[in-house]
Protein backbone atom coordinates (compact mmCIF):
# COMPACT_ATOMS: atom_id res chain seq x y z
CA MET A 1 15.36 3.50 2.88
CA GLN A 2 13.05 5.74 0.92
CA ARG A 3 11.48 5.95 -2.51
CA VAL A 4 9.39 8.42 -4.50
CA VAL A 5 5.83 7.46 -5.46
CA LEU A 6 4.19 9.28 -8.39
CA PRO A 7 1.03 8.56 -10.36
CA GLU A 8 3.20 7.35 -13.28
CA GLY A 9 5.20 4.92 -11.15
CA VAL A 10 7.65 4.53 -8.29
CA SER A 11 11.39 4.95 -8.00
CA SER A 12 13.70 2.32 -6.63
CA TYR A 13 14.58 2.45 -2.93
CA GLY A 14 17.59 4.50 -1.86
CA PHE A 15 19.33 5.24 1.39
CA VAL A 16 18.67 8.62 3.00
CA THR A 17 21.78 9.78 4.83
CA SER A 18 20.46 13.09 6.19
CA GLY A 19 17.42 15.30 6.41
CA VAL A 20 13.75 14.60 6.98
CA PRO A 21 11.51 13.01 4.34
CA GLN A 22 9.47 15.56 2.38
CA GLY A 23 5.83 15.70 3.40
CA SER A 24 6.42 14.38 6.88
CA VAL A 25 4.48 15.80 9.81
CA LEU A 26 7.63 16.00 11.91
CA GLY A 27 9.73 17.82 9.27
CA PRO A 28 8.46 21.39 9.84
CA LEU A 29 8.79 21.04 13.62
CA LEU A 30 12.34 19.74 13.37
CA PHE A 31 13.27 22.57 11.01
CA LEU A 32 11.87 25.18 13.40
CA LEU A 33 13.85 23.67 16.26
CA TYR A 34 16.95 23.67 14.05
CA ILE A 35 16.74 27.39 13.20
CA ASN A 36 15.04 28.69 16.34
CA ASP A 37 18.23 30.18 17.81
CA VAL A 38 18.81 32.51 14.83
CA ALA A 39 16.66 35.21 16.44
CA ASP A 40 19.06 35.32 19.41
CA LEU A 41 21.79 36.73 17.12
CA PHE A 42 20.14 40.11 16.75
CA THR A 43 20.45 42.19 19.90
CA ASP A 44 21.55 45.38 18.12
CA GLY A 45 18.11 46.62 17.09
CA SER A 46 17.87 44.54 13.92
CA CYS A 47 14.56 42.74 13.61
CA ILE A 48 14.05 39.26 12.23
CA LYS A 49 10.90 37.42 11.21
CA LEU A 50 10.79 33.69 10.46
CA TYR A 51 8.14 31.92 8.42
CA ALA A 52 8.72 28.34 7.29
CA ASP A 53 12.10 28.53 5.51
CA ASP A 54 11.92 32.28 4.87
CA VAL A 55 13.87 34.80 6.91
CA LYS A 56 13.19 38.53 6.89
CA LEU A 57 15.85 40.77 8.39
CA TYR A 58 15.10 44.47 8.66
CA PHE A 59 16.37 47.61 10.34
CA LYS A 60 15.40 51.28 10.44
CA ILE A 61 18.21 53.39 9.01
CA VAL A 62 18.48 57.05 10.01
CA ASN A 63 22.26 57.57 9.81
CA ASP A 64 25.45 56.01 8.45
CA SER A 65 26.14 53.96 11.58
CA ASP A 66 22.76 52.24 11.10
CA VAL A 67 23.95 51.04 7.69
CA VAL A 68 27.00 49.50 9.36
CA THR A 69 24.76 47.87 12.00
CA LEU A 70 22.54 46.32 9.32
CA GLN A 71 25.56 45.01 7.42
CA HIS A 72 26.92 43.54 10.65
CA SER A 73 23.57 41.77 11.17
CA ILE A 74 23.65 40.39 7.62
CA ASP A 75 27.21 39.14 8.20
CA LYS A 76 26.19 37.48 11.49
CA PHE A 77 23.29 35.76 9.75
CA ALA A 78 25.53 34.51 6.92
CA LYS A 79 28.05 33.17 9.44
CA TRP A 80 25.27 31.45 11.41
CA ALA A 81 23.97 29.81 8.22
CA GLN A 82 27.46 28.63 7.31
CA THR A 83 28.04 27.23 10.82
CA TRP A 84 24.81 25.21 10.62
CA GLN A 85 25.52 24.18 7.00
CA LEU A 86 22.49 25.97 5.59
CA SER A 87 22.94 27.40 2.14
CA LEU A 88 21.46 30.79 1.34
CA SER A 89 19.75 31.14 -2.00
CA ALA A 90 21.21 34.28 -3.56
CA GLU A 91 18.65 34.10 -6.38
CA SER A 92 15.86 34.40 -3.79
CA VAL A 93 17.19 37.48 -1.99
CA VAL A 94 14.85 40.43 -2.30
CA ILE A 95 15.70 43.89 -1.00
CA TYR A 96 12.97 46.40 -0.27
CA VAL A 97 13.79 50.01 0.43
CA LEU A 98 10.96 51.92 2.06
CA VAL A 99 11.33 55.67 2.35
CA TYR A 100 9.23 57.92 4.54
CA LEU A 101 9.97 61.65 4.28
CA PRO A 102 8.15 63.78 6.85
CA ALA A 103 10.62 66.37 8.19
CA LYS A 104 13.89 64.49 7.79
CA ILE A 105 14.94 61.49 5.72
CA GLN A 106 14.38 58.08 7.26
CA LEU A 107 15.20 54.88 5.45
CA THR A 108 14.20 51.34 6.27
CA ILE A 109 15.68 48.39 4.41
CA ILE A 110 14.13 44.96 4.51
CA LEU A 111 16.25 42.01 3.44
CA MET A 112 14.47 38.76 2.75
CA MET A 113 16.52 35.63 2.51
CA LEU A 114 15.27 32.19 1.72
CA LEU A 115 17.11 29.28 3.18
């Protein structure tokens, strides 16, 4: 059983059927263990960075097949999230396009997804 305590008062007790209580010391560690295998999905050159509940997926694009590879990585990530019953926050998705033009066009896209 769990309840919320605020300066203005306390809630009544309720049963917690899943998850980890907010503010617990163990919560962040359990979450990291839960999502730790996501990095193993990307063996095609896509890069992934994890920080708390943020995921950054990025890939250097120099030709059309790289675009397909990045989309394949995004699809794999979405399927992984669905398998583990993690919802992706579409409102929190940010796409950065970085362009560097020395002699030929190179394009890098960074996709940030918040769980």
